[in-house]
Structure formats: structure tokens, C-alpha cells
Amino acid sequence: MEGLIGKKVGMTQVYDAEGVRTCVTVIEVGPCPVVQLKTLEKDGYAAAQVGFGAQKASRLAKAQQKHFEKAGVEAMKVLKEFALDEGEALEVGKAVTVANFEGVKYVDVTGITKGKGFAGVIKRYGFAGGNMTHGGHSKRRTGGLAARDLPGWIEKGKKMPGHMGAVSRKAMNLEVVAVRPEDNALLVKGSVPGARNGIVIVRKSLKNNVKKGA
């Protein structure tokens, strides 16, 4: 399968056989039960809809409850579709585990970044600001916004104060350090977007799954 749903546990460090330390992010991946299968004959594409994170059925709409009941699985917080590899066969109700990434060298991880609330341009974009001494009156202000001449309005995309963070971001080509099926854990080198316990989508890397020079 192309990928799975997981949860960011946090960061730690591991050592290899030669004693070299590597900083890794621990992701709890799966188990993700298959809730629905999409087929070429019926839907025009082959994919599996999987769930992650137990949820009280009473918190879902009736239609959602019936959807899970039909699959014979408990209610889930997150549903996501992933493309199936050619010839791969899955069954509705069967759980897919982190073992799906055995032998994979690189993955792409998508998550929601930490929300920072309303922020000014210095925090949001790293503006230098004005003079803090010698009578400066533009310490943390934005500065000039638009031309006085035509058109005279602020152009789209202008860097200004506003909501910072809480957006979807993808970390690509992260090296897989270890796959631990007994702990439902995937260890990847470096950091991934989001806060602890945040939901992430882990996919097999689209660009690079063969180490250069290997």
C-alpha cells in the first residue's frame, strides 16, 4: 500500500552498531483497519480506505456509524485513502500495520504544523525591524505596504501580520532508520511537521527510494 496513517510520538536518538548517534522522530503507525476498498471496475481506481484512532460511535453521524458497521470495524477518528500496489489484495476489516514499510528506505510525512496564533512580521517572516534606539519609531512595524502612485493598493501575497502556523506541510525523503512492528513504531531520521500526538500521513517517498551512490 502507498502509505498509512500515524501519530507523532516525539523525538529521541538511537545508536547504530558503530556507535554513531542519529536523531529520529518516532511515529506510531497503525494498525489501520481497512474500512472500504475501491476497485477499477466500480470506482475507476484501486485504493483502500483505512482508519486510525478509536472513536466513540456516539460522536459520529448515523451514516458514518453505518459505514463502520458495514466494514465490521470500530469507529475511527481519521479516514484516509491510499493507492494500492499492482496486484495487492486486501480484505475489508483486515488491519494493515507498520510492517507495510519493511524494506522502504525513504518516506514522505505530512502533518499540521504547530499553531502560533496571530503574529507580527518579525516572528512570522523574520523581518529585521527598525532602530531600537536613537529615536527610532518603527521598531517592530511592518514598514511600507504599497506604492503611493498607481495602482496604490496592497498587492496580493504581501508579507504582513496574520495567523501563523496550523497549516499542512510535507517533509520529503526522510530516511527510515528502523521499523518496529512489535511497537507499531516507525523511526525516521530528522523532524516531521506538527506537535506531539498530532496525526500524520506517512507515504512511501515519491522521489527517492534508492539512496544515491549506493
N, C-alpha and C. Protein backbone atom coordinates (compact mmCIF):
# COMPACT_ATOMS: atom_id res chain seq x y z
N MET A 1 0.84 -1.19 0.00
CA MET A 1 0.00 0.00 0.00
C MET A 1 0.87 1.24 0.00
N GLU A 2 0.36 2.32 -0.60
CA GLU A 2 1.13 3.56 -0.75
C GLU A 2 1.56 4.16 0.57
N GLY A 3 0.68 4.11 1.59
CA GLY A 3 1.02 4.73 2.86
C GLY A 3 0.06 4.30 3.96
N LEU A 4 0.21 4.96 5.13
CA LEU A 4 -0.64 4.68 6.27
C LEU A 4 -0.80 5.94 7.12
N ILE A 5 -1.74 5.88 8.06
CA ILE A 5 -1.97 6.98 8.99
C ILE A 5 -1.22 6.70 10.28
N GLY A 6 -0.69 7.75 10.88
CA GLY A 6 0.04 7.56 12.12
C GLY A 6 -0.10 8.73 13.06
N LYS A 7 0.63 8.66 14.17
CA LYS A 7 0.64 9.71 15.18
C LYS A 7 2.07 10.01 15.59
N LYS A 8 2.42 11.29 15.62
CA LYS A 8 3.77 11.68 16.02
C LYS A 8 3.91 11.52 17.53
N VAL A 9 4.85 10.67 17.95
CA VAL A 9 5.07 10.41 19.37
C VAL A 9 6.07 11.41 19.95
N GLY A 10 7.13 11.69 19.23
CA GLY A 10 8.15 12.62 19.71
C GLY A 10 9.49 12.30 19.09
N MET A 11 10.54 12.97 19.60
CA MET A 11 11.88 12.77 19.07
C MET A 11 12.78 12.13 20.12
N THR A 12 13.75 11.36 19.64
CA THR A 12 14.73 10.73 20.51
C THR A 12 15.99 10.51 19.69
N GLN A 13 16.91 9.72 20.22
CA GLN A 13 18.13 9.41 19.49
C GLN A 13 18.44 7.94 19.63
N VAL A 14 19.01 7.38 18.56
CA VAL A 14 19.38 5.97 18.56
C VAL A 14 20.82 5.85 18.09
N TYR A 15 21.42 4.70 18.42
CA TYR A 15 22.81 4.44 18.05
C TYR A 15 22.88 3.20 17.18
N ASP A 16 23.75 3.25 16.17
CA ASP A 16 23.92 2.08 15.32
C ASP A 16 25.00 1.17 15.89
N ALA A 17 25.36 0.14 15.15
CA ALA A 17 26.34 -0.85 15.63
C ALA A 17 27.72 -0.23 15.82
N GLU A 18 28.00 0.86 15.11
CA GLU A 18 29.31 1.52 15.22
C GLU A 18 29.30 2.64 16.24
N GLY A 19 28.18 2.82 16.94
CA GLY A 19 28.10 3.85 17.96
C GLY A 19 27.79 5.24 17.44
N VAL A 20 27.37 5.35 16.17
CA VAL A 20 27.03 6.65 15.60
C VAL A 20 25.61 7.02 16.01
N ARG A 21 25.46 8.22 16.56
CA ARG A 21 24.15 8.68 17.05
C ARG A 21 23.34 9.32 15.93
N THR A 22 22.06 9.03 15.91
CA THR A 22 21.15 9.61 14.91
C THR A 22 19.90 10.13 15.62
N CYS A 23 19.53 11.37 15.35
CA CYS A 23 18.31 11.94 15.90
C CYS A 23 17.13 11.49 15.04
N VAL A 24 16.12 10.93 15.69
CA VAL A 24 14.99 10.37 14.95
C VAL A 24 13.68 10.86 15.54
N THR A 25 12.64 10.81 14.70
CA THR A 25 11.27 11.04 15.15
C THR A 25 10.55 9.70 15.20
N VAL A 26 9.89 9.45 16.31
CA VAL A 26 9.14 8.20 16.47
C VAL A 26 7.69 8.44 16.06
N ILE A 27 7.22 7.65 15.12
CA ILE A 27 5.84 7.77 14.64
C ILE A 27 5.12 6.45 14.91
N GLU A 28 3.99 6.55 15.59
CA GLU A 28 3.15 5.37 15.80
C GLU A 28 2.29 5.19 14.55
N VAL A 29 2.59 4.17 13.78
CA VAL A 29 1.92 3.94 12.50
C VAL A 29 1.02 2.72 12.62
N GLY A 30 -0.29 2.94 12.46
CA GLY A 30 -1.23 1.83 12.53
C GLY A 30 -1.37 1.28 13.93
N PRO A 31 -2.00 0.08 14.04
CA PRO A 31 -2.64 -0.64 12.93
C PRO A 31 -3.86 0.10 12.38
N CYS A 32 -3.99 0.06 11.06
CA CYS A 32 -5.07 0.76 10.38
C CYS A 32 -6.01 -0.25 9.72
N PRO A 33 -7.21 -0.46 10.25
CA PRO A 33 -8.14 -1.40 9.63
C PRO A 33 -8.67 -0.88 8.30
N VAL A 34 -8.86 -1.79 7.36
CA VAL A 34 -9.41 -1.42 6.05
C VAL A 34 -10.93 -1.27 6.20
N VAL A 35 -11.43 -0.08 5.90
CA VAL A 35 -12.85 0.21 6.04
C VAL A 35 -13.59 0.03 4.73
N GLN A 36 -12.91 0.33 3.62
CA GLN A 36 -13.56 0.21 2.30
C GLN A 36 -12.50 0.00 1.24
N LEU A 37 -12.86 -0.75 0.20
CA LEU A 37 -11.95 -0.97 -0.93
C LEU A 37 -12.55 -0.35 -2.19
N LYS A 38 -11.74 0.39 -2.92
CA LYS A 38 -12.14 0.96 -4.20
C LYS A 38 -11.53 0.12 -5.32
N THR A 39 -12.33 -0.22 -6.31
CA THR A 39 -11.87 -1.10 -7.38
C THR A 39 -11.95 -0.39 -8.73
N LEU A 40 -11.17 -0.91 -9.68
CA LEU A 40 -11.17 -0.34 -11.03
C LEU A 40 -12.53 -0.51 -11.69
N GLU A 41 -13.17 -1.65 -11.47
CA GLU A 41 -14.44 -1.91 -12.12
C GLU A 41 -15.55 -0.98 -11.62
N LYS A 42 -15.59 -0.75 -10.34
CA LYS A 42 -16.69 0.02 -9.75
C LYS A 42 -16.38 1.51 -9.61
N ASP A 43 -15.15 1.84 -9.22
CA ASP A 43 -14.80 3.23 -8.92
C ASP A 43 -13.83 3.86 -9.90
N GLY A 44 -13.22 3.06 -10.74
CA GLY A 44 -12.29 3.60 -11.72
C GLY A 44 -10.86 3.69 -11.24
N TYR A 45 -10.59 3.31 -9.99
CA TYR A 45 -9.23 3.31 -9.46
C TYR A 45 -9.15 2.31 -8.31
N ALA A 46 -7.94 1.88 -8.03
CA ALA A 46 -7.72 0.89 -6.97
C ALA A 46 -7.13 1.57 -5.75
N ALA A 47 -7.84 1.52 -4.63
CA ALA A 47 -7.36 2.14 -3.40
C ALA A 47 -8.04 1.49 -2.21
N ALA A 48 -7.47 1.73 -1.06
CA ALA A 48 -8.03 1.22 0.19
C ALA A 48 -8.26 2.39 1.13
N GLN A 49 -9.46 2.44 1.72
CA GLN A 49 -9.76 3.44 2.73
C GLN A 49 -9.51 2.82 4.10
N VAL A 50 -8.60 3.43 4.85
CA VAL A 50 -8.23 2.88 6.15
C VAL A 50 -8.52 3.92 7.24
N GLY A 51 -8.64 3.44 8.47
CA GLY A 51 -8.92 4.32 9.60
C GLY A 51 -7.81 4.26 10.63
N PHE A 52 -7.82 5.24 11.53
CA PHE A 52 -6.82 5.28 12.60
C PHE A 52 -7.39 6.02 13.79
N GLY A 53 -7.14 5.49 14.98
CA GLY A 53 -7.56 6.15 16.21
C GLY A 53 -8.98 5.81 16.59
N ALA A 54 -9.16 5.08 17.67
CA ALA A 54 -10.51 4.69 18.11
C ALA A 54 -11.34 5.91 18.46
N GLN A 55 -12.63 5.83 18.16
CA GLN A 55 -13.55 6.96 18.38
C GLN A 55 -14.87 6.41 18.91
N LYS A 56 -15.52 7.15 19.81
CA LYS A 56 -16.83 6.76 20.28
C LYS A 56 -17.84 6.87 19.14
N ALA A 57 -18.57 5.80 18.89
CA ALA A 57 -19.54 5.81 17.80
C ALA A 57 -20.62 6.87 18.02
N SER A 58 -20.92 7.18 19.27
CA SER A 58 -21.96 8.15 19.57
C SER A 58 -21.61 9.56 19.09
N ARG A 59 -20.33 9.79 18.83
CA ARG A 59 -19.89 11.11 18.38
C ARG A 59 -19.98 11.27 16.86
N LEU A 60 -20.39 10.22 16.18
CA LEU A 60 -20.46 10.24 14.73
C LEU A 60 -21.90 10.31 14.26
N ALA A 61 -22.08 10.78 13.04
CA ALA A 61 -23.40 10.79 12.42
C ALA A 61 -23.83 9.35 12.13
N LYS A 62 -25.13 9.17 11.97
CA LYS A 62 -25.66 7.82 11.72
C LYS A 62 -25.05 7.19 10.48
N ALA A 63 -24.89 7.99 9.43
CA ALA A 63 -24.32 7.46 8.19
C ALA A 63 -22.89 6.98 8.41
N GLN A 64 -22.12 7.73 9.21
CA GLN A 64 -20.75 7.32 9.50
C GLN A 64 -20.72 6.05 10.34
N GLN A 65 -21.63 5.95 11.30
CA GLN A 65 -21.69 4.75 12.13
C GLN A 65 -21.98 3.52 11.28
N LYS A 66 -22.93 3.65 10.35
CA LYS A 66 -23.28 2.52 9.48
C LYS A 66 -22.11 2.15 8.57
N HIS A 67 -21.34 3.15 8.17
CA HIS A 67 -20.18 2.89 7.31
C HIS A 67 -19.18 1.97 8.02
N PHE A 68 -18.94 2.23 9.30
CA PHE A 68 -18.02 1.39 10.06
C PHE A 68 -18.65 0.03 10.39
N GLU A 69 -19.95 0.03 10.68
CA GLU A 69 -20.63 -1.23 10.99
C GLU A 69 -20.61 -2.17 9.79
N LYS A 70 -20.77 -1.62 8.61
CA LYS A 70 -20.76 -2.43 7.39
C LYS A 70 -19.40 -3.10 7.19
N ALA A 71 -18.34 -2.38 7.59
CA ALA A 71 -16.99 -2.94 7.44
C ALA A 71 -16.64 -3.88 8.58
N GLY A 72 -17.43 -3.85 9.66
CA GLY A 72 -17.15 -4.72 10.79
C GLY A 72 -15.98 -4.25 11.64
N VAL A 73 -15.74 -2.93 11.67
CA VAL A 73 -14.65 -2.38 12.48
C VAL A 73 -15.22 -1.32 13.41
N GLU A 74 -14.48 -1.00 14.47
CA GLU A 74 -14.92 0.04 15.39
C GLU A 74 -14.75 1.41 14.76
N ALA A 75 -15.46 2.39 15.30
CA ALA A 75 -15.41 3.75 14.76
C ALA A 75 -14.01 4.33 14.88
N MET A 76 -13.61 5.09 13.86
CA MET A 76 -12.27 5.67 13.81
C MET A 76 -12.35 7.20 13.71
N LYS A 77 -11.30 7.85 14.23
CA LYS A 77 -11.24 9.31 14.18
C LYS A 77 -10.87 9.82 12.79
N VAL A 78 -9.96 9.11 12.12
CA VAL A 78 -9.42 9.58 10.85
C VAL A 78 -9.63 8.51 9.78
N LEU A 79 -10.08 8.94 8.61
CA LEU A 79 -10.20 8.06 7.44
C LEU A 79 -9.36 8.63 6.31
N LYS A 80 -8.66 7.75 5.60
CA LYS A 80 -7.81 8.21 4.50
C LYS A 80 -7.70 7.12 3.46
N GLU A 81 -7.66 7.53 2.19
CA GLU A 81 -7.49 6.58 1.10
C GLU A 81 -6.04 6.54 0.64
N PHE A 82 -5.57 5.35 0.35
CA PHE A 82 -4.22 5.18 -0.18
C PHE A 82 -4.28 4.26 -1.39
N ALA A 83 -3.48 4.60 -2.39
CA ALA A 83 -3.43 3.78 -3.60
C ALA A 83 -2.81 2.42 -3.28
N LEU A 84 -3.29 1.40 -3.98
CA LEU A 84 -2.79 0.06 -3.78
C LEU A 84 -1.75 -0.27 -4.85
N ASP A 85 -0.72 -1.04 -4.44
CA ASP A 85 0.25 -1.51 -5.41
C ASP A 85 -0.42 -2.52 -6.35
N GLU A 86 0.14 -2.63 -7.53
CA GLU A 86 -0.44 -3.52 -8.54
C GLU A 86 -0.43 -4.95 -8.04
N GLY A 87 -1.60 -5.57 -8.09
CA GLY A 87 -1.72 -6.97 -7.68
C GLY A 87 -1.88 -7.16 -6.18
N GLU A 88 -1.90 -6.07 -5.41
CA GLU A 88 -2.04 -6.19 -3.96
C GLU A 88 -3.49 -6.48 -3.60
N ALA A 89 -3.69 -7.46 -2.72
CA ALA A 89 -5.04 -7.86 -2.32
C ALA A 89 -5.23 -7.62 -0.83
N LEU A 90 -6.28 -6.90 -0.49
CA LEU A 90 -6.62 -6.65 0.91
C LEU A 90 -8.07 -7.03 1.15
N GLU A 91 -8.41 -7.22 2.42
CA GLU A 91 -9.77 -7.55 2.80
C GLU A 91 -10.31 -6.49 3.73
N VAL A 92 -11.60 -6.15 3.57
CA VAL A 92 -12.24 -5.19 4.45
C VAL A 92 -12.26 -5.76 5.86
N GLY A 93 -11.86 -4.94 6.83
CA GLY A 93 -11.79 -5.39 8.21
C GLY A 93 -10.41 -5.83 8.63
N LYS A 94 -9.55 -6.12 7.65
CA LYS A 94 -8.19 -6.54 7.96
C LYS A 94 -7.34 -5.32 8.32
N ALA A 95 -6.49 -5.43 9.34
CA ALA A 95 -5.65 -4.32 9.77
C ALA A 95 -4.31 -4.35 9.04
N VAL A 96 -3.86 -3.18 8.61
CA VAL A 96 -2.55 -3.02 7.98
C VAL A 96 -1.63 -2.38 9.01
N THR A 97 -0.46 -2.94 9.20
CA THR A 97 0.45 -2.48 10.24
C THR A 97 1.65 -1.76 9.64
N VAL A 98 2.53 -1.32 10.54
CA VAL A 98 3.74 -0.60 10.11
C VAL A 98 4.66 -1.51 9.31
N ALA A 99 4.43 -2.82 9.36
CA ALA A 99 5.23 -3.74 8.55
C ALA A 99 5.10 -3.44 7.06
N ASN A 100 4.11 -2.64 6.70
CA ASN A 100 3.92 -2.20 5.32
C ASN A 100 5.15 -1.45 4.81
N PHE A 101 5.97 -0.91 5.72
CA PHE A 101 7.14 -0.12 5.33
C PHE A 101 8.44 -0.91 5.44
N GLU A 102 8.34 -2.22 5.64
CA GLU A 102 9.55 -3.05 5.65
C GLU A 102 10.24 -2.96 4.29
N GLY A 103 11.54 -2.67 4.32
CA GLY A 103 12.31 -2.58 3.09
C GLY A 103 12.25 -1.22 2.41
N VAL A 104 11.44 -0.28 2.93
CA VAL A 104 11.35 1.06 2.35
C VAL A 104 12.46 1.92 2.94
N LYS A 105 13.20 2.63 2.09
CA LYS A 105 14.33 3.43 2.55
C LYS A 105 13.95 4.86 2.89
N TYR A 106 12.99 5.42 2.16
CA TYR A 106 12.62 6.83 2.36
C TYR A 106 11.10 6.98 2.37
N VAL A 107 10.62 7.92 3.18
CA VAL A 107 9.19 8.19 3.26
C VAL A 107 8.95 9.69 3.22
N ASP A 108 7.72 10.06 2.86
CA ASP A 108 7.24 11.44 2.92
C ASP A 108 6.21 11.51 4.05
N VAL A 109 6.34 12.50 4.93
CA VAL A 109 5.45 12.63 6.08
C VAL A 109 4.74 13.97 6.02
N THR A 110 3.41 13.94 6.04
CA THR A 110 2.59 15.16 6.02
C THR A 110 1.91 15.34 7.36
N GLY A 111 1.97 16.56 7.89
CA GLY A 111 1.34 16.86 9.17
C GLY A 111 0.91 18.32 9.23
N ILE A 112 0.20 18.67 10.30
CA ILE A 112 -0.25 20.04 10.52
C ILE A 112 0.74 20.70 11.48
N THR A 113 1.34 21.81 11.05
CA THR A 113 2.34 22.48 11.86
C THR A 113 1.73 23.06 13.13
N LYS A 114 2.57 23.38 14.09
CA LYS A 114 2.12 23.97 15.34
C LYS A 114 1.49 25.34 15.08
N GLY A 115 0.35 25.59 15.70
CA GLY A 115 -0.30 26.89 15.56
C GLY A 115 0.33 27.92 16.48
N LYS A 116 0.68 29.08 15.94
CA LYS A 116 1.32 30.14 16.71
C LYS A 116 0.39 31.31 17.00
N GLY A 117 -0.84 31.24 16.49
CA GLY A 117 -1.76 32.35 16.70
C GLY A 117 -1.42 33.54 15.81
N PHE A 118 -1.87 34.73 16.21
CA PHE A 118 -1.60 35.94 15.43
C PHE A 118 -0.18 36.39 15.71
N ALA A 119 0.59 36.64 14.66
CA ALA A 119 2.00 37.01 14.82
C ALA A 119 2.34 38.18 13.90
N GLY A 120 3.31 38.98 14.34
CA GLY A 120 3.79 40.09 13.53
C GLY A 120 4.81 39.63 12.51
N VAL A 121 5.30 40.56 11.72
CA VAL A 121 6.18 40.20 10.60
C VAL A 121 7.55 39.74 11.07
N ILE A 122 8.00 40.20 12.25
CA ILE A 122 9.32 39.79 12.72
C ILE A 122 9.29 38.31 13.11
N LYS A 123 8.28 37.89 13.84
CA LYS A 123 8.17 36.48 14.22
C LYS A 123 7.74 35.63 13.04
N ARG A 124 6.84 36.15 12.21
CA ARG A 124 6.26 35.35 11.14
C ARG A 124 7.20 35.17 9.96
N TYR A 125 7.94 36.23 9.59
CA TYR A 125 8.77 36.18 8.39
C TYR A 125 10.24 36.52 8.65
N GLY A 126 10.58 36.88 9.90
CA GLY A 126 11.96 37.19 10.19
C GLY A 126 12.40 38.56 9.73
N PHE A 127 11.49 39.53 9.66
CA PHE A 127 11.87 40.89 9.30
C PHE A 127 12.88 41.43 10.31
N ALA A 128 13.74 42.35 9.87
CA ALA A 128 14.77 42.91 10.74
C ALA A 128 14.22 43.94 11.71
N GLY A 129 13.15 44.65 11.32
CA GLY A 129 12.64 45.71 12.18
C GLY A 129 13.44 46.99 12.03
N GLY A 130 13.04 48.00 12.78
CA GLY A 130 13.74 49.29 12.70
C GLY A 130 14.69 49.49 13.87
N ASN A 131 15.20 50.71 13.98
CA ASN A 131 16.13 51.04 15.06
C ASN A 131 15.45 50.95 16.41
N MET A 132 16.11 50.28 17.36
CA MET A 132 15.57 50.17 18.70
C MET A 132 16.02 51.34 19.58
N THR A 133 16.98 52.13 19.09
CA THR A 133 17.50 53.29 19.83
C THR A 133 17.57 54.50 18.92
N HIS A 134 18.15 55.58 19.42
CA HIS A 134 18.36 56.81 18.64
C HIS A 134 17.05 57.35 18.08
N GLY A 135 15.99 57.25 18.88
CA GLY A 135 14.73 57.86 18.47
C GLY A 135 13.97 57.10 17.42
N GLY A 136 14.27 55.80 17.22
CA GLY A 136 13.54 55.04 16.22
C GLY A 136 12.08 54.86 16.60
N HIS A 137 11.18 55.08 15.63
CA HIS A 137 9.74 54.96 15.88
C HIS A 137 9.12 53.81 15.08
N SER A 138 9.96 52.93 14.52
CA SER A 138 9.45 51.81 13.73
C SER A 138 10.18 50.54 14.15
N LYS A 139 10.01 50.18 15.41
CA LYS A 139 10.81 49.10 15.98
C LYS A 139 10.41 47.72 15.45
N ARG A 140 9.14 47.37 15.55
CA ARG A 140 8.68 46.06 15.09
C ARG A 140 7.54 46.20 14.07
N ARG A 141 7.48 47.33 13.42
CA ARG A 141 6.40 47.57 12.47
C ARG A 141 6.70 46.91 11.13
N THR A 142 5.68 46.86 10.31
CA THR A 142 5.80 46.21 9.01
C THR A 142 6.64 47.02 8.04
N GLY A 143 6.51 48.35 8.08
CA GLY A 143 7.18 49.19 7.10
C GLY A 143 6.25 49.56 5.97
N GLY A 144 6.80 49.99 4.85
CA GLY A 144 5.99 50.39 3.70
C GLY A 144 5.16 49.23 3.18
N LEU A 145 3.91 49.54 2.79
CA LEU A 145 2.99 48.50 2.34
C LEU A 145 2.70 48.56 0.85
N ALA A 146 2.63 49.77 0.29
CA ALA A 146 2.26 49.88 -1.12
C ALA A 146 2.83 51.16 -1.70
N ALA A 147 2.81 51.25 -3.03
CA ALA A 147 3.30 52.44 -3.72
C ALA A 147 2.26 53.56 -3.61
N ARG A 148 2.75 54.78 -3.52
CA ARG A 148 1.82 55.92 -3.47
C ARG A 148 1.18 56.14 -4.83
N ASP A 149 1.93 55.84 -5.89
CA ASP A 149 1.42 56.01 -7.25
C ASP A 149 0.49 54.84 -7.58
N LEU A 150 -0.06 54.86 -8.81
CA LEU A 150 -0.93 53.77 -9.25
C LEU A 150 -0.20 52.44 -9.20
N PRO A 151 -0.83 51.33 -8.87
CA PRO A 151 -2.26 51.22 -8.59
C PRO A 151 -2.65 51.69 -7.19
N GLY A 152 -1.68 51.81 -6.27
CA GLY A 152 -1.97 52.41 -4.98
C GLY A 152 -2.62 51.47 -3.98
N TRP A 153 -2.72 50.18 -4.30
CA TRP A 153 -3.27 49.25 -3.32
C TRP A 153 -2.21 48.18 -2.97
N ILE A 154 -2.50 47.44 -1.92
CA ILE A 154 -1.55 46.42 -1.46
C ILE A 154 -1.66 45.20 -2.37
N GLU A 155 -0.54 44.75 -2.88
CA GLU A 155 -0.53 43.61 -3.79
C GLU A 155 -0.78 42.30 -3.04
N LYS A 156 -1.36 41.35 -3.76
CA LYS A 156 -1.59 40.03 -3.18
C LYS A 156 -0.25 39.36 -2.83
N GLY A 157 -0.24 38.66 -1.70
CA GLY A 157 0.96 37.97 -1.28
C GLY A 157 1.91 38.81 -0.46
N LYS A 158 1.53 40.05 -0.15
CA LYS A 158 2.38 40.92 0.66
C LYS A 158 2.57 40.32 2.05
N LYS A 159 3.80 40.27 2.53
CA LYS A 159 4.09 39.71 3.84
C LYS A 159 3.66 40.71 4.91
N MET A 160 2.63 40.31 5.67
CA MET A 160 2.05 41.18 6.68
C MET A 160 1.72 40.37 7.93
N PRO A 161 1.40 41.03 9.05
CA PRO A 161 0.99 40.28 10.24
C PRO A 161 -0.25 39.43 9.96
N GLY A 162 -0.36 38.31 10.66
CA GLY A 162 -1.51 37.45 10.45
C GLY A 162 -1.35 36.13 11.18
N HIS A 163 -2.25 35.21 10.87
CA HIS A 163 -2.24 33.91 11.53
C HIS A 163 -1.01 33.11 11.11
N MET A 164 -0.32 32.56 12.09
CA MET A 164 0.92 31.83 11.82
C MET A 164 0.77 30.37 12.24
N GLY A 165 1.22 29.47 11.38
CA GLY A 165 1.19 28.05 11.69
C GLY A 165 -0.16 27.42 11.41
N ALA A 166 -0.33 26.17 11.92
CA ALA A 166 -1.56 25.40 11.74
C ALA A 166 -1.90 25.20 10.26
N VAL A 167 -0.88 24.89 9.47
CA VAL A 167 -1.06 24.62 8.05
C VAL A 167 -0.44 23.27 7.71
N SER A 168 -0.88 22.68 6.63
CA SER A 168 -0.37 21.37 6.22
C SER A 168 1.00 21.54 5.56
N ARG A 169 1.95 20.75 6.01
CA ARG A 169 3.29 20.77 5.46
C ARG A 169 3.79 19.33 5.28
N LYS A 170 4.63 19.12 4.26
CA LYS A 170 5.16 17.79 3.97
C LYS A 170 6.68 17.80 4.08
N ALA A 171 7.21 16.85 4.85
CA ALA A 171 8.64 16.62 4.92
C ALA A 171 8.96 15.45 3.99
N MET A 172 9.80 15.68 3.00
CA MET A 172 10.02 14.68 1.96
C MET A 172 11.38 14.00 2.11
N ASN A 173 11.42 12.78 1.61
CA ASN A 173 12.65 11.99 1.55
C ASN A 173 13.32 11.82 2.91
N LEU A 174 12.52 11.49 3.92
CA LEU A 174 13.08 11.21 5.24
C LEU A 174 13.56 9.76 5.29
N GLU A 175 14.77 9.57 5.75
CA GLU A 175 15.35 8.23 5.80
C GLU A 175 14.71 7.39 6.90
N VAL A 176 14.33 6.18 6.55
CA VAL A 176 13.77 5.25 7.54
C VAL A 176 14.93 4.60 8.28
N VAL A 177 15.00 4.84 9.59
CA VAL A 177 16.08 4.28 10.41
C VAL A 177 15.71 2.89 10.91
N ALA A 178 14.45 2.72 11.33
CA ALA A 178 14.04 1.41 11.84
C ALA A 178 12.54 1.25 11.72
N VAL A 179 12.11 0.02 11.51
CA VAL A 179 10.69 -0.36 11.52
C VAL A 179 10.50 -1.38 12.64
N ARG A 180 9.65 -1.05 13.62
CA ARG A 180 9.46 -1.92 14.78
C ARG A 180 8.00 -2.35 14.87
N PRO A 181 7.63 -3.44 14.19
CA PRO A 181 6.23 -3.90 14.18
C PRO A 181 5.69 -4.22 15.56
N GLU A 182 6.56 -4.70 16.47
CA GLU A 182 6.09 -5.07 17.81
C GLU A 182 5.61 -3.86 18.61
N ASP A 183 6.10 -2.67 18.25
CA ASP A 183 5.69 -1.44 18.93
C ASP A 183 4.83 -0.52 18.04
N ASN A 184 4.50 -0.98 16.84
CA ASN A 184 3.79 -0.15 15.85
C ASN A 184 4.54 1.15 15.60
N ALA A 185 5.87 1.09 15.62
CA ALA A 185 6.69 2.29 15.56
C ALA A 185 7.52 2.34 14.28
N LEU A 186 7.60 3.54 13.72
CA LEU A 186 8.47 3.83 12.58
C LEU A 186 9.41 4.95 12.99
N LEU A 187 10.72 4.71 12.88
CA LEU A 187 11.72 5.70 13.25
C LEU A 187 12.30 6.31 11.98
N VAL A 188 12.15 7.63 11.84
CA VAL A 188 12.67 8.32 10.66
C VAL A 188 13.70 9.35 11.10
N LYS A 189 14.70 9.56 10.29
CA LYS A 189 15.77 10.50 10.60
C LYS A 189 15.28 11.94 10.45
N GLY A 190 15.54 12.76 11.47
CA GLY A 190 15.16 14.16 11.42
C GLY A 190 13.78 14.41 12.01
N SER A 191 13.26 15.61 11.74
CA SER A 191 11.98 16.04 12.32
C SER A 191 10.86 15.98 11.30
N VAL A 192 9.64 15.93 11.80
CA VAL A 192 8.45 15.94 10.94
C VAL A 192 7.52 17.05 11.42
N PRO A 193 6.65 17.55 10.56
CA PRO A 193 5.76 18.66 10.95
C PRO A 193 4.79 18.27 12.06
N GLY A 194 4.45 19.24 12.90
CA GLY A 194 3.40 19.04 13.88
C GLY A 194 3.91 18.88 15.30
N ALA A 195 2.95 18.91 16.23
CA ALA A 195 3.25 18.74 17.64
C ALA A 195 3.12 17.28 18.04
N ARG A 196 3.51 16.96 19.26
CA ARG A 196 3.36 15.60 19.75
C ARG A 196 1.89 15.19 19.72
N ASN A 197 1.66 13.94 19.41
CA ASN A 197 0.32 13.34 19.33
C ASN A 197 -0.48 13.86 18.13
N GLY A 198 0.16 14.60 17.25
CA GLY A 198 -0.51 15.07 16.05
C GLY A 198 -0.63 13.97 15.01
N ILE A 199 -1.73 13.98 14.26
CA ILE A 199 -1.95 12.98 13.21
C ILE A 199 -1.06 13.30 12.01
N VAL A 200 -0.39 12.30 11.48
CA VAL A 200 0.46 12.46 10.31
C VAL A 200 0.12 11.39 9.27
N ILE A 201 0.41 11.71 8.02
CA ILE A 201 0.22 10.77 6.92
C ILE A 201 1.61 10.37 6.41
N VAL A 202 1.89 9.08 6.46
CA VAL A 202 3.20 8.57 6.04
C VAL A 202 3.03 7.83 4.72
N ARG A 203 3.80 8.27 3.72
CA ARG A 203 3.75 7.64 2.40
C ARG A 203 5.16 7.23 1.97
N LYS A 204 5.21 6.20 1.16
CA LYS A 204 6.49 5.83 0.55
C LYS A 204 6.93 6.99 -0.34
N SER A 205 8.21 7.34 -0.26
CA SER A 205 8.71 8.51 -0.96
C SER A 205 8.45 8.42 -2.46
N LEU A 206 7.96 9.52 -3.02
CA LEU A 206 7.65 9.57 -4.46
C LEU A 206 8.87 9.86 -5.30
N LYS A 207 9.88 10.50 -4.70
CA LYS A 207 11.02 10.98 -5.49
C LYS A 207 12.26 10.11 -5.36
N ASN A 208 12.47 9.58 -4.15
CA ASN A 208 13.76 8.93 -3.93
C ASN A 208 13.62 7.76 -2.97
N ASN A 209 13.61 6.55 -3.50
CA ASN A 209 13.62 5.38 -2.64
C ASN A 209 14.85 4.53 -2.86
N VAL A 210 15.80 5.09 -3.63
CA VAL A 210 17.09 4.42 -3.81
C VAL A 210 18.17 5.42 -3.45
N LYS A 211 18.98 5.10 -2.45
CA LYS A 211 20.00 6.02 -1.98
C LYS A 211 21.00 6.31 -3.08
N LYS A 212 21.28 7.60 -3.33
CA LYS A 212 22.21 7.99 -4.39
C LYS A 212 23.60 7.48 -4.08
N GLY A 213 24.23 6.93 -5.09
CA GLY A 213 25.59 6.44 -4.93
C GLY A 213 25.69 5.05 -4.36
N ALA A 214 24.52 4.47 -4.00
CA ALA A 214 24.55 3.13 -3.38
C ALA A 214 24.75 2.07 -4.46
